[in-house]
Amino acid sequence: MKGFIQINILLVALALCLNSCSLPRSGGSDLGNERLDGCPSSPNCVSSEAQDTEHTVAPLHLKGDPQKAWEAIGRIVGQLPRSTIVEANDRYLHIACKSRLFGFVDDLELLLDLSTMKIAIRSAARSGKSDLGVNRRRVETLRQKFKTDGLIE
């Protein structure tokens, strides 16, 4: 039992150390909200703008009035558990999402392109190498919610 407690204490200390070492995002995208940042080589990021199969997800295709859909999408992502809106405007959303167990922070970004009626989406861990598929599941869960609500095709 004593060894079990020591291992748990070490795991918690390691998680807290890794979390405290993570750097916050600079905010916005790398090209002034024209594109989302790329994914690193590690498997803890997905993006609709990624060119490789490991990181790519499909963009979101809007249905109906784009402004109303964008507002509804903003409300939905703003209500994600353990999440904070970092930046929001008429075409860009940046949400910091904290994990339940260790408090690791992931960045969720959405970028609206009215000319194509698409929303580029990116979800990435700030630290570590693997996210055990959390970011991909987050994007696909949101995609399903947006579809159910009639906001995207």
N, C-alpha and C. Protein backbone atom coordinates (compact mmCIF):
# COMPACT_ATOMS: atom_id res chain seq x y z
N MET A 1 0.83 -1.20 0.00
CA MET A 1 0.00 0.00 0.00
C MET A 1 0.87 1.26 0.00
N LYS A 2 1.96 1.21 0.79
CA LYS A 2 2.85 2.37 0.88
C LYS A 2 3.47 2.69 -0.48
N GLY A 3 3.89 1.64 -1.23
CA GLY A 3 4.46 1.84 -2.55
C GLY A 3 3.44 2.43 -3.53
N PHE A 4 2.20 2.01 -3.41
CA PHE A 4 1.11 2.52 -4.27
C PHE A 4 0.91 4.01 -4.05
N ILE A 5 0.93 4.43 -2.79
CA ILE A 5 0.76 5.85 -2.45
C ILE A 5 1.94 6.66 -2.99
N GLN A 6 3.15 6.13 -2.85
CA GLN A 6 4.33 6.84 -3.35
C GLN A 6 4.28 7.00 -4.87
N ILE A 7 3.86 5.95 -5.56
CA ILE A 7 3.75 6.04 -7.02
C ILE A 7 2.71 7.08 -7.41
N ASN A 8 1.57 7.11 -6.73
CA ASN A 8 0.54 8.10 -7.04
C ASN A 8 1.04 9.51 -6.77
N ILE A 9 1.76 9.70 -5.69
CA ILE A 9 2.31 11.03 -5.38
C ILE A 9 3.29 11.45 -6.47
N LEU A 10 4.13 10.52 -6.92
CA LEU A 10 5.08 10.83 -7.99
C LEU A 10 4.36 11.17 -9.29
N LEU A 11 3.31 10.43 -9.62
CA LEU A 11 2.54 10.72 -10.84
C LEU A 11 1.89 12.09 -10.78
N VAL A 12 1.31 12.44 -9.64
CA VAL A 12 0.69 13.76 -9.49
C VAL A 12 1.75 14.85 -9.58
N ALA A 13 2.90 14.65 -8.93
CA ALA A 13 3.98 15.65 -8.99
C ALA A 13 4.47 15.83 -10.42
N LEU A 14 4.62 14.72 -11.15
CA LEU A 14 5.05 14.79 -12.55
C LEU A 14 4.03 15.55 -13.38
N ALA A 15 2.76 15.24 -13.19
CA ALA A 15 1.71 15.92 -13.96
C ALA A 15 1.70 17.42 -13.66
N LEU A 16 1.83 17.78 -12.40
CA LEU A 16 1.85 19.20 -12.04
C LEU A 16 3.07 19.90 -12.63
N CYS A 17 4.20 19.22 -12.62
CA CYS A 17 5.41 19.79 -13.20
C CYS A 17 5.24 20.02 -14.69
N LEU A 18 4.75 19.01 -15.39
CA LEU A 18 4.54 19.14 -16.83
C LEU A 18 3.54 20.24 -17.14
N ASN A 19 2.49 20.33 -16.36
CA ASN A 19 1.47 21.35 -16.60
C ASN A 19 2.04 22.74 -16.35
N SER A 20 2.84 22.90 -15.30
CA SER A 20 3.40 24.22 -15.01
C SER A 20 4.44 24.64 -16.04
N CYS A 21 5.01 23.66 -16.74
CA CYS A 21 6.02 23.96 -17.75
C CYS A 21 5.40 24.31 -19.10
N SER A 22 4.10 24.09 -19.24
CA SER A 22 3.48 24.36 -20.53
C SER A 22 3.37 25.85 -20.75
N LEU A 23 3.62 26.26 -21.96
CA LEU A 23 3.57 27.67 -22.29
C LEU A 23 2.21 28.04 -22.84
N PRO A 24 1.66 29.19 -22.43
CA PRO A 24 0.39 29.61 -23.00
C PRO A 24 0.57 30.00 -24.46
N ARG A 25 -0.49 29.84 -25.22
CA ARG A 25 -0.44 30.24 -26.62
C ARG A 25 -0.32 31.74 -26.71
N SER A 26 0.19 32.18 -27.82
CA SER A 26 0.37 33.61 -28.02
C SER A 26 -0.94 34.31 -28.29
N GLY A 27 -1.98 33.56 -28.59
CA GLY A 27 -3.28 34.15 -28.90
C GLY A 27 -3.38 34.46 -30.38
N GLY A 28 -4.50 34.16 -30.95
CA GLY A 28 -4.68 34.38 -32.38
C GLY A 28 -3.92 33.35 -33.18
N SER A 29 -3.92 33.53 -34.47
CA SER A 29 -3.23 32.57 -35.32
C SER A 29 -1.91 33.15 -35.77
N ASP A 30 -1.16 32.35 -36.48
CA ASP A 30 0.17 32.80 -36.90
C ASP A 30 0.12 33.84 -38.01
N LEU A 31 -1.00 33.99 -38.67
CA LEU A 31 -1.09 34.95 -39.78
C LEU A 31 -2.21 35.96 -39.56
N GLY A 32 -2.35 36.43 -38.33
CA GLY A 32 -3.35 37.45 -38.07
C GLY A 32 -4.77 36.98 -38.32
N ASN A 33 -5.10 35.78 -37.89
CA ASN A 33 -6.44 35.21 -38.06
C ASN A 33 -6.80 34.90 -39.50
N GLU A 34 -5.82 34.76 -40.38
CA GLU A 34 -6.08 34.33 -41.75
C GLU A 34 -5.96 32.82 -41.86
N ARG A 35 -5.15 32.22 -40.99
CA ARG A 35 -4.94 30.77 -40.94
C ARG A 35 -4.70 30.39 -39.49
N LEU A 36 -4.98 29.14 -39.17
CA LEU A 36 -4.67 28.64 -37.85
C LEU A 36 -3.22 28.17 -37.82
N ASP A 37 -2.63 28.14 -36.63
CA ASP A 37 -1.28 27.62 -36.49
C ASP A 37 -1.23 26.17 -36.96
N GLY A 38 -0.08 25.74 -37.40
CA GLY A 38 0.10 24.35 -37.80
C GLY A 38 0.23 23.44 -36.59
N CYS A 39 0.18 22.16 -36.83
CA CYS A 39 0.38 21.17 -35.77
C CYS A 39 1.86 20.83 -35.66
N PRO A 40 2.33 20.57 -34.44
CA PRO A 40 3.70 20.08 -34.29
C PRO A 40 3.79 18.64 -34.79
N SER A 41 4.96 18.06 -34.79
CA SER A 41 5.11 16.69 -35.27
C SER A 41 4.53 15.67 -34.29
N SER A 42 4.35 16.06 -33.04
CA SER A 42 3.79 15.14 -32.04
C SER A 42 2.31 14.86 -32.34
N PRO A 43 1.80 13.71 -31.88
CA PRO A 43 0.43 13.32 -32.22
C PRO A 43 -0.65 13.92 -31.32
N ASN A 44 -0.38 15.06 -30.69
CA ASN A 44 -1.34 15.65 -29.76
C ASN A 44 -2.07 16.86 -30.33
N CYS A 45 -2.28 16.87 -31.63
CA CYS A 45 -2.90 18.00 -32.30
C CYS A 45 -3.66 17.51 -33.52
N VAL A 46 -4.82 18.12 -33.78
CA VAL A 46 -5.55 17.89 -35.02
C VAL A 46 -5.96 19.25 -35.59
N SER A 47 -6.02 19.32 -36.91
CA SER A 47 -6.37 20.58 -37.55
C SER A 47 -6.96 20.32 -38.93
N SER A 48 -7.94 21.11 -39.29
CA SER A 48 -8.51 20.99 -40.63
C SER A 48 -7.58 21.59 -41.68
N GLU A 49 -6.53 22.27 -41.24
CA GLU A 49 -5.56 22.84 -42.17
C GLU A 49 -4.29 22.00 -42.27
N ALA A 50 -4.24 20.89 -41.53
CA ALA A 50 -3.07 20.00 -41.59
C ALA A 50 -3.02 19.30 -42.94
N GLN A 51 -1.83 19.04 -43.42
CA GLN A 51 -1.64 18.40 -44.71
C GLN A 51 -1.36 16.90 -44.60
N ASP A 52 -1.11 16.41 -43.38
CA ASP A 52 -0.79 14.99 -43.21
C ASP A 52 -1.97 14.27 -42.55
N THR A 53 -2.07 12.97 -42.81
CA THR A 53 -3.22 12.19 -42.33
C THR A 53 -3.25 12.03 -40.81
N GLU A 54 -2.11 12.08 -40.16
CA GLU A 54 -2.08 11.91 -38.70
C GLU A 54 -2.79 13.06 -37.98
N HIS A 55 -2.68 14.27 -38.52
CA HIS A 55 -3.20 15.45 -37.84
C HIS A 55 -4.48 16.01 -38.45
N THR A 56 -4.87 15.57 -39.62
CA THR A 56 -5.97 16.23 -40.31
C THR A 56 -7.36 15.80 -39.82
N VAL A 57 -8.26 16.76 -39.81
CA VAL A 57 -9.69 16.56 -39.60
C VAL A 57 -10.40 17.42 -40.65
N ALA A 58 -11.63 17.09 -40.95
CA ALA A 58 -12.38 17.86 -41.94
C ALA A 58 -12.81 19.21 -41.35
N PRO A 59 -12.85 20.25 -42.18
CA PRO A 59 -13.39 21.53 -41.69
C PRO A 59 -14.89 21.39 -41.47
N LEU A 60 -15.46 22.38 -40.84
CA LEU A 60 -16.90 22.40 -40.60
C LEU A 60 -17.56 23.20 -41.71
N HIS A 61 -18.60 22.64 -42.34
CA HIS A 61 -19.31 23.31 -43.43
C HIS A 61 -20.61 23.89 -42.89
N LEU A 62 -20.69 25.20 -42.87
CA LEU A 62 -21.85 25.88 -42.30
C LEU A 62 -23.13 25.63 -43.10
N LYS A 63 -24.23 25.67 -42.38
CA LYS A 63 -25.56 25.55 -42.95
C LYS A 63 -26.35 26.80 -42.56
N GLY A 64 -27.11 27.35 -43.49
CA GLY A 64 -27.95 28.49 -43.14
C GLY A 64 -27.18 29.78 -43.00
N ASP A 65 -27.73 30.68 -42.20
CA ASP A 65 -27.15 32.00 -41.97
C ASP A 65 -25.82 31.85 -41.22
N PRO A 66 -24.71 32.26 -41.84
CA PRO A 66 -23.40 32.05 -41.21
C PRO A 66 -23.23 32.83 -39.90
N GLN A 67 -23.76 34.02 -39.82
CA GLN A 67 -23.61 34.81 -38.59
C GLN A 67 -24.36 34.18 -37.43
N LYS A 68 -25.57 33.73 -37.68
CA LYS A 68 -26.35 33.07 -36.62
C LYS A 68 -25.68 31.76 -36.20
N ALA A 69 -25.19 31.01 -37.18
CA ALA A 69 -24.50 29.75 -36.87
C ALA A 69 -23.24 30.03 -36.05
N TRP A 70 -22.47 31.05 -36.44
CA TRP A 70 -21.23 31.39 -35.73
C TRP A 70 -21.54 31.78 -34.28
N GLU A 71 -22.60 32.56 -34.08
CA GLU A 71 -22.99 32.95 -32.72
C GLU A 71 -23.37 31.73 -31.89
N ALA A 72 -24.14 30.82 -32.49
CA ALA A 72 -24.56 29.60 -31.78
C ALA A 72 -23.35 28.72 -31.46
N ILE A 73 -22.43 28.60 -32.39
CA ILE A 73 -21.21 27.82 -32.17
C ILE A 73 -20.40 28.43 -31.03
N GLY A 74 -20.31 29.76 -31.00
CA GLY A 74 -19.61 30.44 -29.91
C GLY A 74 -20.24 30.15 -28.56
N ARG A 75 -21.56 30.12 -28.51
CA ARG A 75 -22.24 29.80 -27.24
C ARG A 75 -21.94 28.36 -26.82
N ILE A 76 -21.97 27.45 -27.77
CA ILE A 76 -21.72 26.03 -27.46
C ILE A 76 -20.32 25.82 -26.93
N VAL A 77 -19.31 26.33 -27.64
CA VAL A 77 -17.93 26.11 -27.18
C VAL A 77 -17.65 26.88 -25.89
N GLY A 78 -18.35 27.96 -25.68
CA GLY A 78 -18.19 28.72 -24.44
C GLY A 78 -18.72 27.99 -23.23
N GLN A 79 -19.54 26.97 -23.45
CA GLN A 79 -20.11 26.20 -22.35
C GLN A 79 -19.42 24.85 -22.13
N LEU A 80 -18.32 24.61 -22.84
CA LEU A 80 -17.60 23.36 -22.63
C LEU A 80 -17.09 23.31 -21.20
N PRO A 81 -17.14 22.12 -20.57
CA PRO A 81 -16.66 22.02 -19.18
C PRO A 81 -15.19 22.38 -19.06
N ARG A 82 -14.84 23.05 -17.98
CA ARG A 82 -13.45 23.41 -17.66
C ARG A 82 -12.78 24.20 -18.78
N SER A 83 -13.55 25.03 -19.47
CA SER A 83 -13.03 25.80 -20.59
C SER A 83 -13.21 27.29 -20.38
N THR A 84 -12.29 28.04 -20.95
CA THR A 84 -12.31 29.50 -20.85
C THR A 84 -12.12 30.09 -22.24
N ILE A 85 -12.94 31.03 -22.60
CA ILE A 85 -12.75 31.74 -23.87
C ILE A 85 -11.58 32.69 -23.70
N VAL A 86 -10.56 32.51 -24.53
CA VAL A 86 -9.37 33.35 -24.48
C VAL A 86 -9.54 34.55 -25.41
N GLU A 87 -10.11 34.29 -26.58
CA GLU A 87 -10.30 35.34 -27.58
C GLU A 87 -11.52 34.99 -28.42
N ALA A 88 -12.32 35.99 -28.72
CA ALA A 88 -13.50 35.77 -29.56
C ALA A 88 -13.79 37.04 -30.34
N ASN A 89 -14.00 36.86 -31.64
CA ASN A 89 -14.45 37.97 -32.45
C ASN A 89 -15.39 37.44 -33.53
N ASP A 90 -15.67 38.24 -34.55
CA ASP A 90 -16.67 37.84 -35.54
C ASP A 90 -16.21 36.74 -36.49
N ARG A 91 -14.95 36.29 -36.37
CA ARG A 91 -14.51 35.17 -37.20
C ARG A 91 -13.47 34.25 -36.57
N TYR A 92 -13.12 34.50 -35.32
CA TYR A 92 -12.12 33.67 -34.65
C TYR A 92 -12.52 33.39 -33.21
N LEU A 93 -12.37 32.14 -32.79
CA LEU A 93 -12.60 31.74 -31.40
C LEU A 93 -11.39 30.96 -30.91
N HIS A 94 -10.93 31.29 -29.72
CA HIS A 94 -9.84 30.55 -29.08
C HIS A 94 -10.32 30.21 -27.67
N ILE A 95 -10.36 28.91 -27.37
CA ILE A 95 -10.84 28.43 -26.09
C ILE A 95 -9.74 27.58 -25.46
N ALA A 96 -9.44 27.82 -24.19
CA ALA A 96 -8.50 26.99 -23.43
C ALA A 96 -9.33 25.94 -22.69
N CYS A 97 -9.03 24.67 -22.93
CA CYS A 97 -9.77 23.56 -22.34
C CYS A 97 -8.86 22.80 -21.37
N LYS A 98 -9.28 22.69 -20.12
CA LYS A 98 -8.48 22.02 -19.09
C LYS A 98 -8.95 20.59 -18.90
N SER A 99 -8.00 19.66 -18.78
CA SER A 99 -8.36 18.26 -18.53
C SER A 99 -8.88 18.10 -17.10
N ARG A 100 -9.75 17.13 -16.94
CA ARG A 100 -10.39 16.91 -15.64
C ARG A 100 -9.40 16.44 -14.58
N LEU A 101 -8.56 15.49 -14.92
CA LEU A 101 -7.73 14.84 -13.90
C LEU A 101 -6.50 15.66 -13.51
N PHE A 102 -5.68 16.04 -14.46
CA PHE A 102 -4.43 16.72 -14.13
C PHE A 102 -4.41 18.21 -14.47
N GLY A 103 -5.45 18.70 -15.11
CA GLY A 103 -5.50 20.13 -15.43
C GLY A 103 -4.64 20.55 -16.60
N PHE A 104 -4.24 19.60 -17.48
CA PHE A 104 -3.49 19.97 -18.68
C PHE A 104 -4.37 20.87 -19.54
N VAL A 105 -3.76 21.82 -20.23
CA VAL A 105 -4.52 22.76 -21.05
C VAL A 105 -4.32 22.46 -22.53
N ASP A 106 -5.45 22.39 -23.24
CA ASP A 106 -5.45 22.26 -24.69
C ASP A 106 -6.03 23.54 -25.26
N ASP A 107 -5.62 23.88 -26.48
CA ASP A 107 -6.16 25.04 -27.17
C ASP A 107 -7.09 24.57 -28.28
N LEU A 108 -8.31 25.08 -28.26
CA LEU A 108 -9.29 24.83 -29.31
C LEU A 108 -9.47 26.13 -30.06
N GLU A 109 -9.31 26.08 -31.39
CA GLU A 109 -9.44 27.28 -32.21
C GLU A 109 -10.38 27.02 -33.37
N LEU A 110 -11.20 28.02 -33.68
CA LEU A 110 -12.09 27.97 -34.83
C LEU A 110 -11.94 29.26 -35.61
N LEU A 111 -11.88 29.15 -36.92
CA LEU A 111 -11.70 30.31 -37.79
C LEU A 111 -12.72 30.26 -38.91
N LEU A 112 -13.59 31.25 -38.96
CA LEU A 112 -14.68 31.33 -39.93
C LEU A 112 -14.21 31.96 -41.24
N ASP A 113 -14.53 31.31 -42.35
CA ASP A 113 -14.27 31.84 -43.68
C ASP A 113 -15.62 32.00 -44.38
N LEU A 114 -16.11 33.22 -44.42
CA LEU A 114 -17.43 33.48 -45.01
C LEU A 114 -17.48 33.21 -46.51
N SER A 115 -16.35 33.37 -47.20
CA SER A 115 -16.34 33.17 -48.65
C SER A 115 -16.57 31.71 -49.03
N THR A 116 -16.17 30.78 -48.16
CA THR A 116 -16.35 29.36 -48.45
C THR A 116 -17.42 28.71 -47.56
N MET A 117 -17.92 29.46 -46.58
CA MET A 117 -18.90 28.95 -45.60
C MET A 117 -18.32 27.79 -44.80
N LYS A 118 -17.01 27.85 -44.55
CA LYS A 118 -16.33 26.81 -43.77
C LYS A 118 -15.73 27.41 -42.51
N ILE A 119 -15.59 26.53 -41.53
CA ILE A 119 -14.89 26.89 -40.31
C ILE A 119 -13.69 25.95 -40.20
N ALA A 120 -12.50 26.54 -40.17
CA ALA A 120 -11.29 25.76 -39.90
C ALA A 120 -11.27 25.50 -38.40
N ILE A 121 -10.82 24.32 -38.01
CA ILE A 121 -10.80 23.97 -36.60
C ILE A 121 -9.48 23.32 -36.25
N ARG A 122 -8.98 23.63 -35.05
CA ARG A 122 -7.72 23.07 -34.55
C ARG A 122 -7.87 22.84 -33.06
N SER A 123 -7.40 21.70 -32.60
CA SER A 123 -7.38 21.40 -31.17
C SER A 123 -6.03 20.77 -30.87
N ALA A 124 -5.31 21.34 -29.91
CA ALA A 124 -3.93 20.89 -29.65
C ALA A 124 -3.58 21.00 -28.18
N ALA A 125 -2.80 20.02 -27.72
CA ALA A 125 -2.27 20.06 -26.36
C ALA A 125 -1.13 21.07 -26.30
N ARG A 126 -1.02 21.76 -25.19
CA ARG A 126 0.09 22.70 -25.02
C ARG A 126 1.37 21.99 -24.61
N SER A 127 1.24 20.84 -23.98
CA SER A 127 2.43 20.14 -23.49
C SER A 127 2.30 18.65 -23.73
N GLY A 128 3.41 17.97 -23.57
CA GLY A 128 3.42 16.52 -23.72
C GLY A 128 3.53 16.09 -25.17
N LYS A 129 3.56 14.78 -25.35
CA LYS A 129 3.67 14.24 -26.70
C LYS A 129 2.34 13.64 -27.15
N SER A 130 1.78 12.79 -26.34
CA SER A 130 0.52 12.13 -26.71
C SER A 130 -0.63 12.70 -25.90
N ASP A 131 -1.78 12.79 -26.51
CA ASP A 131 -2.98 13.22 -25.80
C ASP A 131 -4.01 12.09 -25.71
N LEU A 132 -3.60 10.88 -26.12
CA LEU A 132 -4.47 9.71 -26.10
C LEU A 132 -5.75 9.93 -26.92
N GLY A 133 -5.66 10.77 -27.94
CA GLY A 133 -6.79 11.01 -28.84
C GLY A 133 -7.81 12.02 -28.34
N VAL A 134 -7.51 12.72 -27.26
CA VAL A 134 -8.46 13.66 -26.66
C VAL A 134 -8.83 14.78 -27.63
N ASN A 135 -7.86 15.35 -28.31
CA ASN A 135 -8.17 16.48 -29.19
C ASN A 135 -9.00 16.06 -30.40
N ARG A 136 -8.72 14.92 -30.97
CA ARG A 136 -9.53 14.43 -32.09
C ARG A 136 -10.97 14.16 -31.62
N ARG A 137 -11.11 13.53 -30.45
CA ARG A 137 -12.46 13.26 -29.92
C ARG A 137 -13.20 14.56 -29.64
N ARG A 138 -12.49 15.58 -29.13
CA ARG A 138 -13.14 16.87 -28.86
C ARG A 138 -13.71 17.46 -30.15
N VAL A 139 -12.91 17.45 -31.21
CA VAL A 139 -13.36 18.01 -32.48
C VAL A 139 -14.55 17.23 -33.02
N GLU A 140 -14.48 15.91 -32.98
CA GLU A 140 -15.57 15.10 -33.54
C GLU A 140 -16.83 15.18 -32.68
N THR A 141 -16.69 15.33 -31.37
CA THR A 141 -17.86 15.53 -30.50
C THR A 141 -18.53 16.87 -30.81
N LEU A 142 -17.72 17.91 -30.98
CA LEU A 142 -18.28 19.21 -31.36
C LEU A 142 -18.94 19.14 -32.73
N ARG A 143 -18.31 18.46 -33.68
CA ARG A 143 -18.89 18.32 -35.02
C ARG A 143 -20.29 17.68 -34.92
N GLN A 144 -20.41 16.64 -34.13
CA GLN A 144 -21.70 15.95 -33.97
C GLN A 144 -22.73 16.88 -33.32
N LYS A 145 -22.32 17.62 -32.30
CA LYS A 145 -23.23 18.57 -31.63
C LYS A 145 -23.68 19.65 -32.60
N PHE A 146 -22.76 20.20 -33.38
CA PHE A 146 -23.13 21.24 -34.35
C PHE A 146 -24.08 20.69 -35.41
N LYS A 147 -23.85 19.44 -35.84
CA LYS A 147 -24.75 18.81 -36.82
C LYS A 147 -26.13 18.61 -36.23
N THR A 148 -26.18 18.08 -35.03
CA THR A 148 -27.46 17.85 -34.34
C THR A 148 -28.25 19.14 -34.19
N ASP A 149 -27.55 20.23 -33.94
CA ASP A 149 -28.20 21.53 -33.78
C ASP A 149 -28.48 22.23 -35.11
N GLY A 150 -28.14 21.57 -36.23
CA GLY A 150 -28.43 22.12 -37.55
C GLY A 150 -27.55 23.29 -37.97
N LEU A 151 -26.37 23.40 -37.38
CA LEU A 151 -25.47 24.52 -37.68
C LEU A 151 -24.51 24.21 -38.82
N ILE A 152 -24.20 22.94 -38.99
CA ILE A 152 -23.29 22.52 -40.06
C ILE A 152 -23.88 21.33 -40.81
N GLU A 153 -23.33 21.08 -42.00
CA GLU A 153 -23.79 19.94 -42.81
C GLU A 153 -23.20 18.65 -42.30
